[in-house]
PDB file of N, CA and C in Angstrom:
ATOM      1  N   MET A   1     119.685 109.088 106.589  1.00  0.00           N
ATOM      2  CA  MET A   1     119.239 109.355 105.240  1.00  0.00           C
ATOM      3  C   MET A   1     117.714 109.388 105.225  1.00  0.00           C
ATOM      4  N   GLY A   2     117.168 110.201 104.355  1.00  0.00           N
ATOM      5  CA  GLY A   2     115.736 110.399 104.309  1.00  0.00           C
ATOM      6  C   GLY A   2     114.986 109.314 103.568  1.00  0.00           C
ATOM      7  N   GLY A   3     113.662 109.415 103.642  1.00  0.00           N
ATOM      8  CA  GLY A   3     112.788 108.435 103.012  1.00  0.00           C
ATOM      9  C   GLY A   3     112.885 108.416 101.501  1.00  0.00           C
ATOM     10  N   VAL A   4     113.130 109.578 100.893  1.00  0.00           N
ATOM     11  CA  VAL A   4     113.258 109.647  99.439  1.00  0.00           C
ATOM     12  C   VAL A   4     114.479 108.846  99.001  1.00  0.00           C
ATOM     13  N   TYR A   5     115.591 109.055  99.680  1.00  0.00           N
ATOM     14  CA  TYR A   5     116.822 108.333  99.356  1.00  0.00           C
ATOM     15  C   TYR A   5     116.602 106.826  99.471  1.00  0.00           C
ATOM     16  N   LEU A   6     115.974 106.405 100.546  1.00  0.00           N
ATOM     17  CA  LEU A   6     115.763 104.965 100.758  1.00  0.00           C
ATOM     18  C   LEU A   6     114.841 104.367  99.703  1.00  0.00           C
ATOM     19  N   LYS A   7     113.794 105.094  99.326  1.00  0.00           N
ATOM     20  CA  LYS A   7     112.874 104.582  98.305  1.00  0.00           C
ATOM     21  C   LYS A   7     113.561 104.520  96.951  1.00  0.00           C
ATOM     22  N   LEU A   8     114.338 105.553  96.612  1.00  0.00           N
ATOM     23  CA  LEU A   8     115.078 105.528  95.350  1.00  0.00           C
ATOM     24  C   LEU A   8     116.104 104.401  95.348  1.00  0.00           C
ATOM     25  N   LYS A   9     116.735 104.173  96.483  1.00  0.00           N
ATOM     26  CA  LYS A   9     117.716 103.079  96.601  1.00  0.00           C
ATOM     27  C   LYS A   9     117.044 101.731  96.316  1.00  0.00           C
ATOM     28  N   GLU A  10     115.847 101.547  96.858  1.00  0.00           N
ATOM     29  CA  GLU A  10     115.085 100.319  96.623  1.00  0.00           C
ATOM     30  C   GLU A  10     114.773 100.142  95.130  1.00  0.00           C
ATOM     31  N   LEU A  11     114.347 101.234  94.475  1.00  0.00           N
ATOM     32  CA  LEU A  11     114.043 101.177  93.041  1.00  0.00           C
ATOM     33  C   LEU A  11     115.300 100.886  92.215  1.00  0.00           C
ATOM     34  N   ILE A  12     116.417 101.451  92.611  1.00  0.00           N
ATOM     35  CA  ILE A  12     117.671 101.245  91.885  1.00  0.00           C
ATOM     36  C   ILE A  12     118.161  99.810  92.033  1.00  0.00           C
ATOM     37  N   GLU A  13     118.001  99.246  93.203  1.00  0.00           N
ATOM     38  CA  GLU A  13     118.366  97.833  93.391  1.00  0.00           C
ATOM     39  C   GLU A  13     117.525  96.951  92.482  1.00  0.00           C
ATOM     40  N   LYS A  14     116.252  97.265  92.367  1.00  0.00           N
ATOM     41  CA  LYS A  14     115.361  96.540  91.462  1.00  0.00           C
ATOM     42  C   LYS A  14     115.839  96.691  90.015  1.00  0.00           C
ATOM     43  N   ALA A  15     116.202  97.911  89.644  1.00  0.00           N
ATOM     44  CA  ALA A  15     116.661  98.182  88.272  1.00  0.00           C
ATOM     45  C   ALA A  15     117.937  97.423  87.952  1.00  0.00           C
ATOM     46  N   ASN A  16     118.886  97.426  88.873  1.00  0.00           N
ATOM     47  CA  ASN A  16     120.164  96.768  88.622  1.00  0.00           C
ATOM     48  C   ASN A  16     120.046  95.246  88.567  1.00  0.00           C
ATOM     49  N   ALA A  17     118.963  94.704  89.101  1.00  0.00           N
ATOM     50  CA  ALA A  17     118.729  93.261  89.043  1.00  0.00           C
ATOM     51  C   ALA A  17     117.971  92.846  87.778  1.00  0.00           C
ATOM     52  N   ASP A  18     117.488  93.806  87.014  1.00  0.00           N
ATOM     53  CA  ASP A  18     116.671  93.548  85.833  1.00  0.00           C
ATOM     54  C   ASP A  18     117.515  93.688  84.566  1.00  0.00           C
ATOM     55  N   LEU A  19     117.842  92.572  83.929  1.00  0.00           N
ATOM     56  CA  LEU A  19     118.710  92.587  82.762  1.00  0.00           C
ATOM     57  C   LEU A  19     118.111  93.365  81.594  1.00  0.00           C
ATOM     58  N   SER A  20     116.806  93.276  81.395  1.00  0.00           N
ATOM     59  CA  SER A  20     116.187  94.013  80.292  1.00  0.00           C
ATOM     60  C   SER A  20     116.249  95.524  80.544  1.00  0.00           C
ATOM     61  N   PHE A  21     116.118  95.912  81.796  1.00  0.00           N
ATOM     62  CA  PHE A  21     116.236  97.325  82.140  1.00  0.00           C
ATOM     63  C   PHE A  21     117.657  97.812  81.876  1.00  0.00           C
ATOM     64  N   LYS A  22     118.629  97.017  82.287  1.00  0.00           N
ATOM     65  CA  LYS A  22     120.028  97.396  82.094  1.00  0.00           C
ATOM     66  C   LYS A  22     120.346  97.558  80.612  1.00  0.00           C
ATOM     67  N   GLU A  23     119.776  96.689  79.790  1.00  0.00           N
ATOM     68  CA  GLU A  23     119.979  96.796  78.346  1.00  0.00           C
ATOM     69  C   GLU A  23     119.329  98.064  77.800  1.00  0.00           C
ATOM     70  N   LYS A  24     118.175  98.423  78.361  1.00  0.00           N
ATOM     71  CA  LYS A  24     117.431  99.599  77.903  1.00  0.00           C
ATOM     72  C   LYS A  24     118.210 100.897  78.147  1.00  0.00           C
ATOM     73  N   ILE A  25     118.969 100.965  79.232  1.00  0.00           N
ATOM     74  CA  ILE A  25     119.685 102.206  79.540  1.00  0.00           C
ATOM     75  C   ILE A  25     121.158 102.170  79.130  1.00  0.00           C
ATOM     76  N   LYS A  26     121.603 101.046  78.594  1.00  0.00           N
ATOM     77  CA  LYS A  26     123.004 100.942  78.182  1.00  0.00           C
ATOM     78  C   LYS A  26     123.318 102.044  77.170  1.00  0.00           C
ATOM     79  N   GLY A  27     124.399 102.766  77.400  1.00  0.00           N
ATOM     80  CA  GLY A  27     124.792 103.855  76.521  1.00  0.00           C
ATOM     81  C   GLY A  27     124.130 105.186  76.849  1.00  0.00           C
ATOM     82  N   TRP A  28     123.202 105.187  77.792  1.00  0.00           N
ATOM     83  CA  TRP A  28     122.528 106.425  78.212  1.00  0.00           C
ATOM     84  C   TRP A  28     123.125 106.838  79.558  1.00  0.00           C
ATOM     85  N   ASP A  29     124.244 107.528  79.512  1.00  0.00           N
ATOM     86  CA  ASP A  29     124.972 107.934  80.714  1.00  0.00           C
ATOM     87  C   ASP A  29     124.526 109.334  81.120  1.00  0.00           C
ATOM     88  N   ARG A  30     123.810 109.408  82.222  1.00  0.00           N
ATOM     89  CA  ARG A  30     123.248 110.680  82.670  1.00  0.00           C
ATOM     90  C   ARG A  30     123.301 110.780  84.196  1.00  0.00           C
ATOM     91  N   VAL A  31     123.190 112.016  84.669  1.00  0.00           N
ATOM     92  CA  VAL A  31     122.997 112.292  86.091  1.00  0.00           C
ATOM     93  C   VAL A  31     121.616 112.922  86.219  1.00  0.00           C
ATOM     94  N   ILE A  32     120.764 112.276  87.014  1.00  0.00           N
ATOM     95  CA  ILE A  32     119.388 112.717  87.198  1.00  0.00           C
ATOM     96  C   ILE A  32     119.212 113.105  88.659  1.00  0.00           C
ATOM     97  N   SER A  33     118.783 114.324  88.875  1.00  0.00           N
ATOM     98  CA  SER A  33     118.581 114.804  90.236  1.00  0.00           C
ATOM     99  C   SER A  33     117.102 114.744  90.588  1.00  0.00           C
ATOM    100  N   PHE A  34     116.825 114.201  91.762  1.00  0.00           N
ATOM    101  CA  PHE A  34     115.478 114.245  92.318  1.00  0.00           C
ATOM    102  C   PHE A  34     115.528 115.225  93.478  1.00  0.00           C
ATOM    103  N   HIS A  35     114.819 116.330  93.320  1.00  0.00           N
ATOM    104  CA  HIS A  35     114.812 117.383  94.338  1.00  0.00           C
ATOM    105  C   HIS A  35     113.410 117.453  94.931  1.00  0.00           C
ATOM    106  N   ILE A  36     113.320 117.182  96.226  1.00  0.00           N
ATOM    107  CA  ILE A  36     112.033 117.188  96.919  1.00  0.00           C
ATOM    108  C   ILE A  36     111.920 118.497  97.688  1.00  0.00           C
ATOM    109  N   THR A  37     110.872 119.262  97.383  1.00  0.00           N
ATOM    110  CA  THR A  37     110.698 120.593  97.968  1.00  0.00           C
ATOM    111  C   THR A  37     109.641 120.567  99.057  1.00  0.00           C
ATOM    112  N   ASP A  38     110.068 120.298 100.252  1.00  0.00           N
ATOM    113  CA  ASP A  38     109.200 120.325 101.431  1.00  0.00           C
ATOM    114  C   ASP A  38     109.987 120.940 102.574  1.00  0.00           C
ATOM    115  N   ASP A  39     109.457 120.808 103.766  1.00  0.00           N
ATOM    116  CA  ASP A  39     110.158 121.354 104.927  1.00  0.00           C
ATOM    117  C   ASP A  39     111.596 120.851 105.012  1.00  0.00           C
ATOM    118  N   LYS A  40     111.765 119.578 104.783  1.00  0.00           N
ATOM    119  CA  LYS A  40     113.100 118.971 104.810  1.00  0.00           C
ATOM    120  C   LYS A  40     113.515 118.726 103.373  1.00  0.00           C
ATOM    121  N   GLU A  41     114.006 119.764 102.722  1.00  0.00           N
ATOM    122  CA  GLU A  41     114.397 119.618 101.323  1.00  0.00           C
ATOM    123  C   GLU A  41     115.460 118.537 101.203  1.00  0.00           C
ATOM    124  N   GLU A  42     115.302 117.733 100.182  1.00  0.00           N
ATOM    125  CA  GLU A  42     116.207 116.607  99.989  1.00  0.00           C
ATOM    126  C   GLU A  42     116.501 116.459  98.507  1.00  0.00           C
ATOM    127  N   SER A  43     117.772 116.265  98.189  1.00  0.00           N
ATOM    128  CA  SER A  43     118.167 116.038  96.802  1.00  0.00           C
ATOM    129  C   SER A  43     118.987 114.767  96.712  1.00  0.00           C
ATOM    130  N   CYS A  44     118.672 113.962  95.721  1.00  0.00           N
ATOM    131  CA  CYS A  44     119.395 112.729  95.465  1.00  0.00           C
ATOM    132  C   CYS A  44     119.788 112.698  93.995  1.00  0.00           C
ATOM    133  N   LEU A  45     120.944 112.163  93.721  1.00  0.00           N
ATOM    134  CA  LEU A  45     121.418 112.027  92.350  1.00  0.00           C
ATOM    135  C   LEU A  45     121.384 110.568  91.944  1.00  0.00           C
ATOM    136  N   ILE A  46     120.790 110.306  90.797  1.00  0.00           N
ATOM    137  CA  ILE A  46     120.810 108.970  90.205  1.00  0.00           C
ATOM    138  C   ILE A  46     121.734 109.053  89.001  1.00  0.00           C
ATOM    139  N   MET A  47     122.706 108.181  88.959  1.00  0.00           N
ATOM    140  CA  MET A  47     123.634 108.157  87.836  1.00  0.00           C
ATOM    141  C   MET A  47     123.423 106.882  87.034  1.00  0.00           C
ATOM    142  N   THR A  48     123.340 107.023  85.721  1.00  0.00           N
ATOM    143  CA  THR A  48     123.287 105.860  84.840  1.00  0.00           C
ATOM    144  C   THR A  48     124.581 105.861  84.031  1.00  0.00           C
ATOM    145  N   LYS A  49     125.264 104.735  84.031  1.00  0.00           N
ATOM    146  CA  LYS A  49     126.513 104.617  83.289  1.00  0.00           C
ATOM    147  C   LYS A  49     126.750 103.151  82.958  1.00  0.00           C
ATOM    148  N   ASP A  50     126.986 102.884  81.692  1.00  0.00           N
ATOM    149  CA  ASP A  50     127.284 101.532  81.221  1.00  0.00           C
ATOM    150  C   ASP A  50     126.223 100.508  81.644  1.00  0.00           C
ATOM    151  N   GLY A  51     124.967 100.925  81.638  1.00  0.00           N
ATOM    152  CA  GLY A  51     123.874 100.012  81.970  1.00  0.00           C
ATOM    153  C   GLY A  51     123.681  99.778  83.457  1.00  0.00           C
ATOM    154  N   GLU A  52     124.396 100.492  84.285  1.00  0.00           N
ATOM    155  CA  GLU A  52     124.264 100.385  85.743  1.00  0.00           C
ATOM    156  C   GLU A  52     123.673 101.676  86.286  1.00  0.00           C
ATOM    157  N   VAL A  53     123.005 101.575  87.414  1.00  0.00           N
ATOM    158  CA  VAL A  53     122.408 102.736  88.056  1.00  0.00           C
ATOM    159  C   VAL A  53     122.966 102.835  89.470  1.00  0.00           C
ATOM    160  N   SER A  54     123.318 104.051  89.871  1.00  0.00           N
ATOM    161  CA  SER A  54     123.789 104.260  91.238  1.00  0.00           C
ATOM    162  C   SER A  54     123.105 105.491  91.815  1.00  0.00           C
ATOM    163  N   LEU A  55     123.238 105.651  93.123  1.00  0.00           N
ATOM    164  CA  LEU A  55     122.531 106.715  93.838  1.00  0.00           C
ATOM    165  C   LEU A  55     123.447 107.336  94.872  1.00  0.00           C
ATOM    166  N   GLU A  56     123.345 108.643  95.019  1.00  0.00           N
ATOM    167  CA  GLU A  56     124.040 109.322  96.105  1.00  0.00           C
ATOM    168  C   GLU A  56     123.317 110.618  96.435  1.00  0.00           C
ATOM    169  N   LYS A  57     123.588 111.135  97.601  1.00  0.00           N
ATOM    170  CA  LYS A  57     123.085 112.459  97.963  1.00  0.00           C
ATOM    171  C   LYS A  57     123.875 113.454  97.143  1.00  0.00           C
ATOM    172  N   GLY A  58     123.255 114.541  96.731  1.00  0.00           N
ATOM    173  CA  GLY A  58     124.036 115.463  95.943  1.00  0.00           C
ATOM    174  C   GLY A  58     123.346 116.762  95.618  1.00  0.00           C
ATOM    175  N   ASP A  59     124.066 117.575  94.900  1.00  0.00           N
ATOM    176  CA  ASP A  59     123.655 118.908  94.504  1.00  0.00           C
ATOM    177  C   ASP A  59     123.024 118.850  93.120  1.00  0.00           C
ATOM    178  N   VAL A  60     121.874 119.479  92.946  1.00  0.00           N
ATOM    179  CA  VAL A  60     121.158 119.434  91.673  1.00  0.00           C
ATOM    180  C   VAL A  60     121.901 120.138  90.548  1.00  0.00           C
ATOM    181  N   SER A  61     122.837 121.001  90.860  1.00  0.00           N
ATOM    182  CA  SER A  61     123.516 121.769  89.813  1.00  0.00           C
ATOM    183  C   SER A  61     124.404 120.915  88.914  1.00  0.00           C
ATOM    184  N   THR A  62     124.713 119.701  89.317  1.00  0.00           N
ATOM    185  CA  THR A  62     125.576 118.829  88.520  1.00  0.00           C
ATOM    186  C   THR A  62     124.786 117.877  87.625  1.00  0.00           C
ATOM    187  N   SER A  63     123.497 118.093  87.479  1.00  0.00           N
ATOM    188  CA  SER A  63     122.619 117.133  86.815  1.00  0.00           C
ATOM    189  C   SER A  63     122.369 117.451  85.348  1.00  0.00           C
ATOM    190  N   ASP A  64     122.149 116.376  84.563  1.00  0.00           N
ATOM    191  CA  ASP A  64     121.682 116.519  83.188  1.00  0.00           C
ATOM    192  C   ASP A  64     120.174 116.745  83.165  1.00  0.00           C
ATOM    193  N   ILE A  65     119.488 116.114  84.112  1.00  0.00           N
ATOM    194  CA  ILE A  65     118.032 116.194  84.226  1.00  0.00           C
ATOM    195  C   ILE A  65     117.700 116.514  85.676  1.00  0.00           C
ATOM    196  N   ILE A  66     116.787 117.449  85.898  1.00  0.00           N
ATOM    197  CA  ILE A  66     116.370 117.793  87.253  1.00  0.00           C
ATOM    198  C   ILE A  66     114.875 117.523  87.375  1.00  0.00           C
ATOM    199  N   VAL A  67     114.523 116.661  88.325  1.00  0.00           N
ATOM    200  CA  VAL A  67     113.132 116.325  88.619  1.00  0.00           C
ATOM    201  C   VAL A  67     112.801 116.958  89.972  1.00  0.00           C
ATOM    202  N   THR A  68     111.783 117.820  90.000  1.00  0.00           N
ATOM    203  CA  THR A  68     111.404 118.508  91.231  1.00  0.00           C
ATOM    204  C   THR A  68     109.942 118.210  91.538  1.00  0.00           C
ATOM    205  N   THR A  69     109.686 117.845  92.790  1.00  0.00           N
ATOM    206  CA  THR A  69     108.315 117.573  93.225  1.00  0.00           C
ATOM    207  C   THR A  69     108.252 117.708  94.739  1.00  0.00           C
ATOM    208  N   ASP A  70     107.054 117.585  95.283  1.00  0.00           N
ATOM    209  CA  ASP A  70     106.893 117.583  96.736  1.00  0.00           C
ATOM    210  C   ASP A  70     106.827 116.137  97.211  1.00  0.00           C
ATOM    211  N   ILE A  71     106.971 115.937  98.497  1.00  0.00           N
ATOM    212  CA  ILE A  71     107.038 114.577  99.051  1.00  0.00           C
ATOM    213  C   ILE A  71     105.738 113.809  98.823  1.00  0.00           C
ATOM    214  N   GLU A  72     104.602 114.478  98.917  1.00  0.00           N
ATOM    215  CA  GLU A  72     103.318 113.800  98.705  1.00  0.00           C
ATOM    216  C   GLU A  72     103.216 113.254  97.285  1.00  0.00           C
ATOM    217  N   SER A  73     103.557 114.074  96.316  1.00  0.00           N
ATOM    218  CA  SER A  73     103.514 113.627  94.916  1.00  0.00           C
ATOM    219  C   SER A  73     104.521 112.518  94.663  1.00  0.00           C
ATOM    220  N   PHE A  74     105.732 112.665  95.217  1.00  0.00           N
ATOM    221  CA  PHE A  74     106.756 111.635  95.072  1.00  0.00           C
ATOM    222  C   PHE A  74     106.233 110.292  95.581  1.00  0.00           C
ATOM    223  N   ASN A  75     105.655 110.294  96.779  1.00  0.00           N
ATOM    224  CA  ASN A  75     105.136 109.053  97.359  1.00  0.00           C
ATOM    225  C   ASN A  75     104.011 108.460  96.523  1.00  0.00           C
ATOM    226  N   GLU A  76     103.126 109.294  95.984  1.00  0.00           N
ATOM    227  CA  GLU A  76     102.035 108.802  95.141  1.00  0.00           C
ATOM    228  C   GLU A  76     102.576 108.189  93.848  1.00  0.00           C
ATOM    229  N   ILE A  77     103.596 108.809  93.277  1.00  0.00           N
ATOM    230  CA  ILE A  77     104.207 108.263  92.059  1.00  0.00           C
ATOM    231  C   ILE A  77     104.837 106.911  92.350  1.00  0.00           C
ATOM    232  N   VAL A  78     105.590 106.822  93.434  1.00  0.00           N
ATOM    233  CA  VAL A  78     106.272 105.576  93.786  1.00  0.00           C
ATOM    234  C   VAL A  78     105.275 104.464  94.093  1.00  0.00           C
ATOM    235  N   LYS A  79     104.162 104.807  94.752  1.00  0.00           N
ATOM    236  CA  LYS A  79     103.130 103.807  95.069  1.00  0.00           C
ATOM    237  C   LYS A  79     102.334 103.378  93.847  1.00  0.00           C
ATOM    238  N   GLY A  80     102.389 104.201  92.794  1.00  0.00           N
ATOM    239  CA  GLY A  80     101.642 103.882  91.582  1.00  0.00           C
ATOM    240  C   GLY A  80     100.267 104.505  91.520  1.00  0.00           C
ATOM    241  N   SER A  81      99.913 105.315  92.509  1.00  0.00           N
ATOM    242  CA  SER A  81      98.591 105.950  92.488  1.00  0.00           C
ATOM    243  C   SER A  81      98.580 107.245  91.666  1.00  0.00           C
ATOM    244  N   LEU A  82      99.758 107.707  91.237  1.00  0.00           N
ATOM    245  CA  LEU A  82      99.869 108.887  90.383  1.00  0.00           C
ATOM    246  C   LEU A  82     100.904 108.586  89.303  1.00  0.00           C
ATOM    247  N   LYS A  83     100.472 108.683  88.052  1.00  0.00           N
ATOM    248  CA  LYS A  83     101.405 108.456  86.942  1.00  0.00           C
ATOM    249  C   LYS A  83     102.324 109.666  86.814  1.00  0.00           C
ATOM    250  N   PRO A  84     103.621 109.436  86.542  1.00  0.00           N
ATOM    251  CA  PRO A  84     104.533 110.563  86.366  1.00  0.00           C
ATOM    252  C   PRO A  84     104.052 111.547  85.291  1.00  0.00           C
ATOM    253  N   SER A  85     103.491 111.032  84.204  1.00  0.00           N
ATOM    254  CA  SER A  85     103.021 111.931  83.138  1.00  0.00           C
ATOM    255  C   SER A  85     101.865 112.804  83.622  1.00  0.00           C
ATOM    256  N   ASN A  86     100.957 112.245  84.425  1.00  0.00           N
ATOM    257  CA  ASN A  86      99.852 113.036  84.979  1.00  0.00           C
ATOM    258  C   ASN A  86     100.363 114.072  85.977  1.00  0.00           C
ATOM    259  N   ALA A  87     101.355 113.678  86.775  1.00  0.00           N
ATOM    260  CA  ALA A  87     101.945 114.613  87.730  1.00  0.00           C
ATOM    261  C   ALA A  87     102.603 115.770  86.988  1.00  0.00           C
ATOM    262  N   PHE A  88     103.263 115.467  85.885  1.00  0.00           N
ATOM    263  CA  PHE A  88     103.915 116.492  85.076  1.00  0.00           C
ATOM    264  C   PHE A  88     102.882 117.439  84.474  1.00  0.00           C
ATOM    265  N   LEU A  89     101.839 116.872  83.879  1.00  0.00           N
ATOM    266  CA  LEU A  89     100.812 117.698  83.230  1.00  0.00           C
ATOM    267  C   LEU A  89     100.054 118.577  84.217  1.00  0.00           C
ATOM    268  N   SER A  90      99.928 118.112  85.460  1.00  0.00           N
ATOM    269  CA  SER A  90      99.207 118.894  86.468  1.00  0.00           C
ATOM    270  C   SER A  90     100.118 119.878  87.207  1.00  0.00           C
ATOM    271  N   GLY A  91     101.413 119.853  86.911  1.00  0.00           N
ATOM    272  CA  GLY A  91     102.351 120.764  87.555  1.00  0.00           C
ATOM    273  C   GLY A  91     102.887 120.274  88.880  1.00  0.00           C
ATOM    274  N   ARG A  92     102.523 119.072  89.269  1.00  0.00           N
ATOM    275  CA  ARG A  92     103.013 118.527  90.538  1.00  0.00           C
ATOM    276  C   ARG A  92     104.423 117.966  90.412  1.00  0.00           C
ATOM    277  N   LEU A  93     104.860 117.746  89.188  1.00  0.00           N
ATOM    278  CA  LEU A  93     106.198 117.237  88.902  1.00  0.00           C
ATOM    279  C   LEU A  93     106.789 118.132  87.820  1.00  0.00           C
ATOM    280  N   LYS A  94     107.946 118.682  88.101  1.00  0.00           N
ATOM    281  CA  LYS A  94     108.626 119.525  87.120  1.00  0.00           C
ATOM    282  C   LYS A  94     109.895 118.807  86.688  1.00  0.00           C
ATOM    283  N   VAL A  95     110.159 118.841  85.393  1.00  0.00           N
ATOM    284  CA  VAL A  95     111.334 118.175  84.854  1.00  0.00           C
ATOM    285  C   VAL A  95     112.048 119.129  83.915  1.00  0.00           C
ATOM    286  N   GLU A  96     113.352 119.270  84.125  1.00  0.00           N
ATOM    287  CA  GLU A  96     114.180 120.111  83.268  1.00  0.00           C
ATOM    288  C   GLU A  96     115.237 119.240  82.605  1.00  0.00           C
ATOM    289  N   GLY A  97     115.397 119.413  81.305  1.00  0.00           N
ATOM    290  CA  GLY A  97     116.413 118.670  80.575  1.00  0.00           C
ATOM    291  C   GLY A  97     116.063 118.579  79.107  1.00  0.00           C
ATOM    292  N   PRO A  98     116.974 118.035  78.306  1.00  0.00           N
ATOM    293  CA  PRO A  98     116.713 117.870  76.869  1.00  0.00           C
ATOM    294  C   PRO A  98     115.519 116.947  76.623  1.00  0.00           C
ATOM    295  N   ILE A  99     114.738 117.224  75.596  1.00  0.00           N
ATOM    296  CA  ILE A  99     113.511 116.477  75.312  1.00  0.00           C
ATOM    297  C   ILE A  99     113.773 114.979  75.140  1.00  0.00           C
ATOM    298  N   PHE A 100     114.861 114.604  74.457  1.00  0.00           N
ATOM    299  CA  PHE A 100     115.169 113.187  74.301  1.00  0.00           C
ATOM    300  C   PHE A 100     115.343 112.515  75.659  1.00  0.00           C
ATOM    301  N   ASP A 101     116.044 113.199  76.564  1.00  0.00           N
ATOM    302  CA  ASP A 101     116.261 112.635  77.895  1.00  0.00           C
ATOM    303  C   ASP A 101     114.967 112.519  78.678  1.00  0.00           C
ATOM    304  N   LEU A 102     114.058 113.472  78.486  1.00  0.00           N
ATOM    305  CA  LEU A 102     112.774 113.418  79.182  1.00  0.00           C
ATOM    306  C   LEU A 102     111.945 112.233  78.705  1.00  0.00           C
ATOM    307  N   ILE A 103     111.988 111.961  77.416  1.00  0.00           N
ATOM    308  CA  ILE A 103     111.279 110.801  76.868  1.00  0.00           C
ATOM    309  C   ILE A 103     111.880 109.519  77.427  1.00  0.00           C
ATOM    310  N   LYS A 104     113.195 109.444  77.464  1.00  0.00           N
ATOM    311  CA  LYS A 104     113.882 108.261  78.005  1.00  0.00           C
ATOM    312  C   LYS A 104     113.560 108.095  79.490  1.00  0.00           C
ATOM    313  N   LEU A 105     113.559 109.191  80.223  1.00  0.00           N
ATOM    314  CA  LEU A 105     113.237 109.142  81.647  1.00  0.00           C
ATOM    315  C   LEU A 105     111.828 108.613  81.871  1.00  0.00           C
ATOM    316  N   ASN A 106     110.878 109.034  81.048  1.00  0.00           N
ATOM    317  CA  ASN A 106     109.508 108.545  81.167  1.00  0.00           C
ATOM    318  C   ASN A 106     109.452 107.035  80.947  1.00  0.00           C
ATOM    319  N   SER A 107     110.205 106.528  79.983  1.00  0.00           N
ATOM    320  CA  SER A 107     110.207 105.076  79.742  1.00  0.00           C
ATOM    321  C   SER A 107     110.859 104.339  80.910  1.00  0.00           C
ATOM    322  N   ILE A 108     111.833 104.964  81.561  1.00  0.00           N
ATOM    323  CA  ILE A 108     112.456 104.351  82.736  1.00  0.00           C
ATOM    324  C   ILE A 108     111.473 104.295  83.891  1.00  0.00           C
ATOM    325  N   PHE A 109     110.716 105.381  84.105  1.00  0.00           N
ATOM    326  CA  PHE A 109     109.677 105.369  85.141  1.00  0.00           C
ATOM    327  C   PHE A 109     108.709 104.208  84.921  1.00  0.00           C
ATOM    328  N   LYS A 110     108.332 103.978  83.688  1.00  0.00           N
ATOM    329  CA  LYS A 110     107.372 102.912  83.380  1.00  0.00           C
ATOM    330  C   LYS A 110     107.908 101.541  83.797  1.00  0.00           C
ATOM    331  N   VAL A 111     109.196 101.336  83.637  1.00  0.00           N
ATOM    332  CA  VAL A 111     109.812 100.057  84.008  1.00  0.00           C
ATOM    333  C   VAL A 111     109.937  99.925  85.520  1.00  0.00           C
ATOM    334  N   LEU A 112     110.358 100.998  86.176  1.00  0.00           N
ATOM    335  CA  LEU A 112     110.644 100.939  87.613  1.00  0.00           C
ATOM    336  C   LEU A 112     109.408 100.941  88.492  1.00  0.00           C
ATOM    337  N   LEU A 113     108.340 101.600  88.036  1.00  0.00           N
ATOM    338  CA  LEU A 113     107.187 101.792  88.938  1.00  0.00           C
ATOM    339  C   LEU A 113     106.053 100.864  88.660  1.00  0.00           C
TER     340      LEU A 113
END
């Protein structure tokens, strides 16, 4: 499994251990795809259901929200040296989905990162 999958897995373990985070996403059941566009393209699906978060490798076509970025931007976001909102505004992070879900996703990034 690739580095993106492992880093997302680490973040999800953190999320599932945080009771306030679990309460924040309770009732927000979505499939979020993280698609990394580099030489070794990698896609991971994050599922939120009943206040729990899970992760698997998967196809972006089954997602409610699609997050696309390159590996460098992904790593900077995860390290905290690049805010997701700044990455989005600069075009380094692309997000597709309903506006309500995008707002919720941004609040989730704030908790996880």
